[in-house]
Structures are given as structure tokens and as C-alpha cells.
Amino acid sequence: MFQIEKGGGLGAKENRSSKLRWIDTKSAFGSRIRSGMIINLKHKDIDHFLHDAFFFLNPEILIY
């Protein structure tokens, strides 16, 4: 009859890009090393953040 759901944002499916943001920082060593930050916008649990950050970072690494 009723379903019990747990967690924040019930019924709202958010994609990773609304929870994380990639920011390029100033390159080190004469632009030979690319630097960046992943900014947490909504995660409260570190495990969920790290899981999403891995998938968010992987394409950034493969670009170079």
C-alpha cells in the first residue's frame, strides 16, 4: 500500500553536476601540470561525495 523511502530529497533525482562542481585552478610548473578542485555543493555523507567525485573526476583526467 505505502512505500517507505529514506534519505534527503525524496523523489528528487539530481544528477552529479548539481551536487559537484569542477573548478580549474592556476596551473603549476609552467602549465605542464593541470590543477583543479572538486567542490561539494550538496553532499552530507563523505562516502557519497567520494563516490560521485570519482565519476566526476575521471573524464577530467582522460581529457589530458
Protein backbone atom coordinates (compact mmCIF):
# COMPACT_ATOMS: atom_id res chain seq x y z
CA MET A 1 0.00 0.00 0.00
CA PHE A 2 2.62 2.58 1.08
CA GLN A 3 6.32 2.61 0.34
CA ILE A 4 8.79 3.92 2.87
CA GLU A 5 11.63 5.93 1.40
CA LYS A 6 14.69 7.13 3.24
CA GLY A 7 17.12 9.96 2.67
CA GLY A 8 17.04 13.61 1.82
CA GLY A 9 15.42 14.95 -1.31
CA LEU A 10 12.71 12.33 -1.52
CA GLY A 11 11.50 11.90 -5.06
CA ALA A 12 14.01 14.37 -6.43
CA LYS A 13 16.57 12.74 -8.69
CA GLU A 14 19.59 15.01 -9.03
CA ASN A 15 22.49 14.48 -11.35
CA ARG A 16 26.10 14.68 -10.22
CA SER A 17 26.67 18.07 -11.82
CA SER A 18 24.12 19.66 -9.50
CA LYS A 19 25.93 18.20 -6.46
CA LEU A 20 29.53 18.83 -7.50
CA ARG A 21 31.47 21.46 -9.38
CA TRP A 22 34.87 21.22 -11.08
CA ILE A 23 36.99 24.38 -10.93
CA ASP A 24 40.29 24.74 -12.78
CA THR A 25 42.99 26.38 -10.71
CA LYS A 26 46.15 28.09 -11.82
CA SER A 27 48.46 25.55 -13.43
CA ALA A 28 51.75 24.72 -11.80
CA PHE A 29 55.18 24.28 -13.38
CA GLY A 30 54.62 26.41 -16.47
CA SER A 31 51.28 24.79 -17.37
CA ARG A 32 52.76 21.28 -17.54
CA ILE A 33 50.56 20.05 -14.68
CA ARG A 34 46.83 20.71 -14.67
CA SER A 35 45.31 21.54 -11.30
CA GLY A 36 41.69 21.63 -10.24
CA MET A 37 39.26 21.27 -7.37
CA ILE A 38 36.03 19.38 -6.95
CA ILE A 39 33.63 21.46 -4.87
CA ASN A 40 30.96 19.72 -2.79
CA LEU A 41 27.63 21.55 -3.14
CA LYS A 42 25.10 19.21 -1.53
CA HIS A 43 26.61 16.01 -0.12
CA LYS A 44 26.36 15.43 3.61
CA ASP A 45 27.89 11.95 3.62
CA ILE A 46 31.59 11.71 2.72
CA ASP A 47 31.16 8.25 1.13
CA HIS A 48 28.54 9.54 -1.33
CA PHE A 49 30.71 12.58 -2.08
CA LEU A 50 33.78 10.47 -2.83
CA HIS A 51 31.75 8.07 -4.98
CA ASP A 52 30.30 10.88 -7.09
CA ALA A 53 33.61 12.76 -7.16
CA PHE A 54 35.37 9.74 -8.69
CA PHE A 55 32.93 9.67 -11.61
CA PHE A 56 33.12 13.45 -11.89
CA LEU A 57 36.93 13.47 -11.94
CA ASN A 58 37.52 10.54 -14.28
CA PRO A 59 36.53 12.39 -17.51
CA GLU A 60 38.65 15.38 -16.47
CA ILE A 61 41.71 13.12 -16.22
CA LEU A 62 41.01 11.47 -19.56
CA ILE A 63 40.82 14.82 -21.39
CA TYR A 64 44.56 15.25 -21.00
